[in-house]
C-alpha atoms as a PDB file:
ATOM      1  CA  MET A   1      -0.369  14.291  -2.678  1.00  0.00           C
ATOM      2  CA  ASN A   2       3.335  14.429  -1.917  1.00  0.00           C
ATOM      3  CA  HIS A   3       5.098  14.055   1.420  1.00  0.00           C
ATOM      4  CA  HIS A   4       4.798  17.743   2.319  1.00  0.00           C
ATOM      5  CA  ASP A   5       1.115  17.783   1.388  1.00  0.00           C
ATOM      6  CA  ASP A   6       0.492  14.760   3.635  1.00  0.00           C
ATOM      7  CA  LEU A   7       2.138  16.465   6.599  1.00  0.00           C
ATOM      8  CA  ALA A   8       0.366  19.751   5.926  1.00  0.00           C
ATOM      9  CA  LEU A   9      -3.019  18.013   5.731  1.00  0.00           C
ATOM     10  CA  THR A  10      -2.254  16.153   8.953  1.00  0.00           C
ATOM     11  CA  ARG A  11      -1.499  19.417  10.752  1.00  0.00           C
ATOM     12  CA  GLU A  12      -4.754  20.926   9.506  1.00  0.00           C
ATOM     13  CA  LEU A  13      -6.739  17.879  10.638  1.00  0.00           C
ATOM     14  CA  LEU A  14      -5.142  17.997  14.081  1.00  0.00           C
ATOM     15  CA  SER A  15      -6.085  21.664  14.354  1.00  0.00           C
ATOM     16  CA  GLY A  16      -9.745  20.722  13.864  1.00  0.00           C
ATOM     17  CA  ASP A  17     -10.115  22.214  10.381  1.00  0.00           C
ATOM     18  CA  GLN A  18     -13.427  20.865   9.017  1.00  0.00           C
ATOM     19  CA  ALA A  19     -12.523  21.693   5.426  1.00  0.00           C
ATOM     20  CA  ALA A  20      -9.372  19.611   5.843  1.00  0.00           C
ATOM     21  CA  PHE A  21     -11.462  16.686   7.071  1.00  0.00           C
ATOM     22  CA  GLY A  22     -13.625  16.946   3.951  1.00  0.00           C
ATOM     23  CA  GLU A  23     -10.512  16.907   1.794  1.00  0.00           C
ATOM     24  CA  PHE A  24      -9.114  13.954   3.740  1.00  0.00           C
ATOM     25  CA  TYR A  25     -12.321  11.950   3.407  1.00  0.00           C
ATOM     26  CA  ASP A  26     -12.853  12.764  -0.275  1.00  0.00           C
ATOM     27  CA  SER A  27      -9.223  12.004  -1.149  1.00  0.00           C
ATOM     28  CA  TYR A  28      -8.931   8.684   0.642  1.00  0.00           C
ATOM     29  CA  PHE A  29     -12.316   7.050   1.211  1.00  0.00           C
ATOM     30  CA  GLY A  30     -12.703   5.626  -2.287  1.00  0.00           C
ATOM     31  CA  ARG A  31      -9.125   4.402  -2.431  1.00  0.00           C
ATOM     32  CA  VAL A  32      -9.291   2.754   0.991  1.00  0.00           C
ATOM     33  CA  TYR A  33     -12.653   1.190   0.155  1.00  0.00           C
ATOM     34  CA  ARG A  34     -11.204  -0.367  -3.012  1.00  0.00           C
ATOM     35  CA  PHE A  35      -8.200  -1.557  -0.994  1.00  0.00           C
ATOM     36  CA  CYS A  36     -10.577  -3.220   1.497  1.00  0.00           C
ATOM     37  CA  ASN A  37     -12.949  -4.623  -1.112  1.00  0.00           C
ATOM     38  CA  LYS A  38     -10.100  -6.519  -2.753  1.00  0.00           C
ATOM     39  CA  ARG A  39      -9.678  -8.360   0.558  1.00  0.00           C
ATOM     40  CA  VAL A  40     -13.257  -8.495   1.880  1.00  0.00           C
ATOM     41  CA  SER A  41     -15.914  -9.328  -0.698  1.00  0.00           C
ATOM     42  CA  ASP A  42     -18.842  -8.512   1.638  1.00  0.00           C
ATOM     43  CA  SER A  43     -19.657  -4.905   0.685  1.00  0.00           C
ATOM     44  CA  GLU A  44     -21.498  -4.077   3.916  1.00  0.00           C
ATOM     45  CA  ALA A  45     -18.663  -5.480   6.014  1.00  0.00           C
ATOM     46  CA  CYS A  46     -16.218  -3.520   3.896  1.00  0.00           C
ATOM     47  CA  LYS A  47     -18.115  -0.271   4.554  1.00  0.00           C
ATOM     48  CA  ASP A  48     -17.979  -0.952   8.293  1.00  0.00           C
ATOM     49  CA  ILE A  49     -14.276  -1.755   8.124  1.00  0.00           C
ATOM     50  CA  VAL A  50     -13.468   1.410   6.201  1.00  0.00           C
ATOM     51  CA  GLN A  51     -15.576   3.519   8.554  1.00  0.00           C
ATOM     52  CA  GLN A  52     -13.681   2.090  11.525  1.00  0.00           C
ATOM     53  CA  THR A  53     -10.429   2.649   9.658  1.00  0.00           C
ATOM     54  CA  PHE A  54     -11.186   6.367   9.373  1.00  0.00           C
ATOM     55  CA  ILE A  55     -12.248   6.557  13.008  1.00  0.00           C
ATOM     56  CA  ASN A  56      -8.951   4.973  14.035  1.00  0.00           C
ATOM     57  CA  ALA A  57      -6.980   7.132  11.626  1.00  0.00           C
ATOM     58  CA  MET A  58      -8.385  10.276  13.243  1.00  0.00           C
ATOM     59  CA  ARG A  59      -7.883   8.824  16.726  1.00  0.00           C
ATOM     60  CA  TYR A  60      -4.217   8.083  16.123  1.00  0.00           C
ATOM     61  CA  LEU A  61      -3.441  10.847  13.652  1.00  0.00           C
ATOM     62  CA  ASP A  62      -1.014  12.470  16.066  1.00  0.00           C
ATOM     63  CA  THR A  63       1.214   9.387  15.725  1.00  0.00           C
ATOM     64  CA  TYR A  64       1.671   9.929  11.974  1.00  0.00           C
ATOM     65  CA  ARG A  65       5.228  11.113  11.365  1.00  0.00           C
ATOM     66  CA  GLY A  66       5.394  10.964   7.587  1.00  0.00           C
ATOM     67  CA  GLU A  67       7.768   7.991   7.348  1.00  0.00           C
ATOM     68  CA  ALA A  68       5.406   6.564   4.710  1.00  0.00           C
ATOM     69  CA  SER A  69       2.738   8.238   2.618  1.00  0.00           C
ATOM     70  CA  LEU A  70      -0.526   9.025   4.385  1.00  0.00           C
ATOM     71  CA  HIS A  71      -2.260   6.576   2.068  1.00  0.00           C
ATOM     72  CA  THR A  72       0.131   3.776   3.030  1.00  0.00           C
ATOM     73  CA  TRP A  73      -0.367   4.622   6.706  1.00  0.00           C
ATOM     74  CA  ILE A  74      -4.167   4.487   6.391  1.00  0.00           C
ATOM     75  CA  CYS A  75      -3.992   1.202   4.481  1.00  0.00           C
ATOM     76  CA  GLN A  76      -1.966  -0.292   7.334  1.00  0.00           C
ATOM     77  CA  ILE A  77      -4.789   0.652   9.710  1.00  0.00           C
ATOM     78  CA  CYS A  78      -7.254  -0.874   7.275  1.00  0.00           C
ATOM     79  CA  ARG A  79      -5.213  -4.095   7.148  1.00  0.00           C
ATOM     80  CA  ASN A  80      -5.460  -4.345  10.919  1.00  0.00           C
ATOM     81  CA  GLU A  81      -9.233  -3.834  10.786  1.00  0.00           C
ATOM     82  CA  ILE A  82      -9.549  -6.479   8.073  1.00  0.00           C
ATOM     83  CA  SER A  83      -7.551  -8.914  10.186  1.00  0.00           C
ATOM     84  CA  THR A  84      -9.787  -8.168  13.182  1.00  0.00           C
ATOM     85  CA  TRP A  85     -12.898  -8.717  11.061  1.00  0.00           C
ATOM     86  CA  TYR A  86     -11.696 -12.127   9.881  1.00  0.00           C
ATOM     87  CA  LYS A  87     -10.903 -13.142  13.453  1.00  0.00           C
ATOM     88  CA  LYS A  88     -14.274 -11.990  14.761  1.00  0.00           C
ATOM     89  CA  THR A  89     -16.356 -13.534  11.999  1.00  0.00           C
ATOM     90  CA  GLY A  90     -14.352 -16.699  11.532  1.00  0.00           C
ATOM     91  CA  ALA A  91     -14.627 -16.133   7.803  1.00  0.00           C
ATOM     92  CA  LYS A  92     -12.106 -17.923   5.659  1.00  0.00           C
ATOM     93  CA  ASN A  93      -9.702 -15.484   4.129  1.00  0.00           C
ATOM     94  CA  GLU A  94      -9.331 -16.852   0.617  1.00  0.00           C
ATOM     95  CA  LEU A  95      -8.329 -13.486  -0.820  1.00  0.00           C
ATOM     96  CA  LEU A  96      -5.740 -11.479  -1.935  1.00  0.00           C
ATOM     97  CA  LEU A  97      -3.680 -11.318   1.128  1.00  0.00           C
ATOM     98  CA  SER A  98      -2.215  -8.735  -1.092  1.00  0.00           C
ATOM     99  CA  PHE A  99       1.135  -7.795  -2.192  1.00  0.00           C
ATOM    100  CA  ASP A 100       2.229  -6.718   1.256  1.00  0.00           C
ATOM    101  CA  GLN A 101       1.169  -9.980   2.933  1.00  0.00           C
ATOM    102  CA  ASN A 102       1.153 -12.632   0.236  1.00  0.00           C
ATOM    103  CA  PRO A 103       4.250 -14.830   0.228  1.00  0.00           C
ATOM    104  CA  ASN A 104       3.969 -14.950  -3.570  1.00  0.00           C
ATOM    105  CA  VAL A 105       4.907 -11.331  -4.037  1.00  0.00           C
ATOM    106  CA  LEU A 106       6.608 -12.442  -7.257  1.00  0.00           C
ATOM    107  CA  ALA A 107       3.219 -13.127  -8.823  1.00  0.00           C
ATOM    108  CA  ALA A 108       1.896  -9.760  -7.737  1.00  0.00           C
ATOM    109  CA  LEU A 109       4.758  -7.707  -9.103  1.00  0.00           C
ATOM    110  CA  GLU A 110       5.091 -10.005 -12.097  1.00  0.00           C
ATOM    111  CA  SER A 111       8.769  -9.593 -12.791  1.00  0.00           C
ATOM    112  CA  VAL A 112      10.379  -8.949  -9.424  1.00  0.00           C
ATOM    113  CA  GLN A 113      12.981 -11.663  -9.102  1.00  0.00           C
ATOM    114  CA  PHE A 114      12.485 -13.078  -5.636  1.00  0.00           C
ATOM    115  CA  SER A 115      10.334 -15.686  -3.949  1.00  0.00           C
ATOM    116  CA  LEU A 116       9.449 -16.777  -0.478  1.00  0.00           C
ATOM    117  CA  GLN A 117       9.333 -20.447  -1.372  1.00  0.00           C
ATOM    118  CA  GLY A 118      11.005 -22.300   1.430  1.00  0.00           C
ATOM    119  CA  THR A 119      10.344 -19.549   3.933  1.00  0.00           C
ATOM    120  CA  ASP A 120       9.832 -21.420   7.177  1.00  0.00           C
ATOM    121  CA  SER A 121       9.024 -18.651   9.608  1.00  0.00           C
ATOM    122  CA  LEU A 122       6.526 -15.865   9.999  1.00  0.00           C
ATOM    123  CA  ALA A 123       9.410 -13.574  10.894  1.00  0.00           C
ATOM    124  CA  GLU A 124      10.909 -14.083   7.438  1.00  0.00           C
ATOM    125  CA  SER A 125       7.571 -13.316   5.778  1.00  0.00           C
ATOM    126  CA  VAL A 126       7.202 -10.161   7.825  1.00  0.00           C
ATOM    127  CA  GLU A 127      10.767  -9.177   6.929  1.00  0.00           C
ATOM    128  CA  ILE A 128      10.021  -9.516   3.225  1.00  0.00           C
ATOM    129  CA  ARG A 129       6.751  -7.611   3.591  1.00  0.00           C
ATOM    130  CA  ASP A 130       8.547  -4.802   5.378  1.00  0.00           C
ATOM    131  CA  LEU A 131      11.264  -4.799   2.737  1.00  0.00           C
ATOM    132  CA  VAL A 132       8.666  -4.447  -0.006  1.00  0.00           C
ATOM    133  CA  GLN A 133       7.122  -1.514   1.850  1.00  0.00           C
ATOM    134  CA  THR A 134      10.556   0.054   2.346  1.00  0.00           C
ATOM    135  CA  VAL A 135      11.202  -0.212  -1.377  1.00  0.00           C
ATOM    136  CA  LEU A 136       7.859   1.417  -2.197  1.00  0.00           C
ATOM    137  CA  ASP A 137       8.537   4.251   0.204  1.00  0.00           C
ATOM    138  CA  SER A 138      11.972   4.857  -1.314  1.00  0.00           C
ATOM    139  CA  LEU A 139      10.838   4.952  -4.949  1.00  0.00           C
ATOM    140  CA  PRO A 140      10.017   8.216  -6.716  1.00  0.00           C
ATOM    141  CA  GLU A 141       6.474   9.074  -5.698  1.00  0.00           C
ATOM    142  CA  HIS A 142       4.951   8.641  -9.160  1.00  0.00           C
ATOM    143  CA  TYR A 143       6.384   5.119  -9.468  1.00  0.00           C
ATOM    144  CA  ALA A 144       5.284   4.127  -5.970  1.00  0.00           C
ATOM    145  CA  LYS A 145       1.787   5.443  -6.660  1.00  0.00           C
ATOM    146  CA  LEU A 146       1.556   3.477  -9.909  1.00  0.00           C
ATOM    147  CA  LEU A 147       2.537   0.242  -8.163  1.00  0.00           C
ATOM    148  CA  GLU A 148       0.146   0.897  -5.269  1.00  0.00           C
ATOM    149  CA  TRP A 149      -2.699   1.550  -7.687  1.00  0.00           C
ATOM    150  CA  LYS A 150      -1.930  -1.592  -9.696  1.00  0.00           C
ATOM    151  CA  TYR A 151      -0.946  -4.103  -7.031  1.00  0.00           C
ATOM    152  CA  ILE A 152      -2.387  -2.845  -3.745  1.00  0.00           C
ATOM    153  CA  GLU A 153      -5.607  -1.203  -4.864  1.00  0.00           C
ATOM    154  CA  GLY A 154      -6.038  -3.603  -7.779  1.00  0.00           C
ATOM    155  CA  LEU A 155      -6.826  -1.001 -10.423  1.00  0.00           C
ATOM    156  CA  SER A 156      -6.733  -2.044 -14.059  1.00  0.00           C
ATOM    157  CA  VAL A 157      -4.427  -0.423 -16.587  1.00  0.00           C
ATOM    158  CA  GLN A 158      -7.480   1.283 -18.072  1.00  0.00           C
ATOM    159  CA  GLU A 159      -8.471   2.722 -14.682  1.00  0.00           C
ATOM    160  CA  ILE A 160      -4.932   3.971 -14.073  1.00  0.00           C
ATOM    161  CA  SER A 161      -4.865   5.498 -17.548  1.00  0.00           C
ATOM    162  CA  GLY A 162      -8.003   7.426 -16.635  1.00  0.00           C
ATOM    163  CA  LEU A 163      -6.440   8.706 -13.419  1.00  0.00           C
ATOM    164  CA  LEU A 164      -3.318   9.800 -15.288  1.00  0.00           C
ATOM    165  CA  ASN A 165      -5.199  11.086 -18.335  1.00  0.00           C
ATOM    166  CA  LYS A 166      -2.877   9.016 -20.507  1.00  0.00           C
ATOM    167  CA  GLY A 167      -3.313   6.290 -23.083  1.00  0.00           C
ATOM    168  CA  ASP A 168      -3.075   2.623 -22.120  1.00  0.00           C
ATOM    169  CA  THR A 169       0.207   2.135 -24.004  1.00  0.00           C
ATOM    170  CA  SER A 170       1.810   5.054 -22.187  1.00  0.00           C
ATOM    171  CA  THR A 171       0.521   3.744 -18.859  1.00  0.00           C
ATOM    172  CA  GLN A 172       1.908   0.263 -19.569  1.00  0.00           C
ATOM    173  CA  SER A 173       5.281   1.834 -20.324  1.00  0.00           C
ATOM    174  CA  LEU A 174       5.213   3.785 -17.050  1.00  0.00           C
ATOM    175  CA  LEU A 175       4.299   0.634 -15.130  1.00  0.00           C
ATOM    176  CA  GLU A 176       7.199  -1.239 -16.692  1.00  0.00           C
ATOM    177  CA  ARG A 177       9.604   1.528 -15.654  1.00  0.00           C
ATOM    178  CA  ALA A 178       8.114   1.472 -12.152  1.00  0.00           C
ATOM    179  CA  ARG A 179       8.595  -2.309 -11.946  1.00  0.00           C
ATOM    180  CA  LYS A 180      12.170  -1.962 -13.188  1.00  0.00           C
ATOM    181  CA  ASN A 181      12.897   0.627 -10.500  1.00  0.00           C
ATOM    182  CA  PHE A 182      11.270  -1.614  -7.905  1.00  0.00           C
ATOM    183  CA  ARG A 183      13.415  -4.577  -8.991  1.00  0.00           C
ATOM    184  CA  THR A 184      16.612  -2.544  -8.810  1.00  0.00           C
ATOM    185  CA  VAL A 185      15.952  -1.097  -5.360  1.00  0.00           C
ATOM    186  CA  PHE A 186      14.611  -4.382  -3.994  1.00  0.00           C
ATOM    187  CA  ASN A 187      17.591  -6.389  -5.192  1.00  0.00           C
ATOM    188  CA  ASP A 188      20.032  -3.820  -3.774  1.00  0.00           C
ATOM    189  CA  LEU A 189      18.309  -3.832  -0.384  1.00  0.00           C
ATOM    190  CA  GLU A 190      18.049  -7.616  -0.339  1.00  0.00           C
ATOM    191  CA  GLN A 191      21.772  -7.872  -1.087  1.00  0.00           C
ATOM    192  CA  GLU A 192      22.503  -5.364   1.664  1.00  0.00           C
ATOM    193  CA  LEU A 193      20.455  -7.353   4.187  1.00  0.00           C
ATOM    194  CA  LYS A 194      22.160 -10.616   3.256  1.00  0.00           C
ATOM    195  CA  SER A 195      25.665  -9.208   3.366  1.00  0.00           C
ATOM    196  CA  GLY A 196      25.162  -6.911   6.338  1.00  0.00           C
ATOM    197  CA  GLU A 197      26.884  -4.164   4.320  1.00  0.00           C
ATOM    198  CA  PRO A 198      25.489  -1.359   2.157  1.00  0.00           C
ATOM    199  CA  ALA A 199      24.972  -2.476  -1.427  1.00  0.00           C
ATOM    200  CA  THR A 200      27.179  -0.804  -4.010  1.00  0.00           C
ATOM    201  CA  GLY A 201      25.679   0.460  -7.212  1.00  0.00           C
END
């Protein structure tokens, strides 16, 4: 789905269109479940978390303004539910605090040249996380989707190849171009933040 499709689907859901709800559920449930299951290994807990995520998504759907993709927006709700689950259960979160939360974003994106080593405040970590999300949202949609599939949803190259109906070599090449675009935009934005002036290309 592209940006316009996300907004159109949102309008249909808000109008009470049952067919739209079926489309919404079918399009996102599996993806959000995989997103959750990479962070919560308990499958039953994950089902509960995803169910609550969809309940909350419908409850707050009127707040969605399309600044990010609908998938990214739902995953943010899911992150909050995962955090709540860990707090309630007291379980030790040894996972995969993911590419949007993990201070070692370098490892997740493999070749993105930055690190949070030496970061001494939560505010800095949040700033980097938000910067990563800003970069994703500013990339061409097909590149952002590739990186989300690979690093947020944890899909293998083979799984992505199946989704794209492409060979593994072609998919690897697309991923490398997506990473290159990510690096370029990230470095420009990071430079802009440090200098306080727009980066020049």
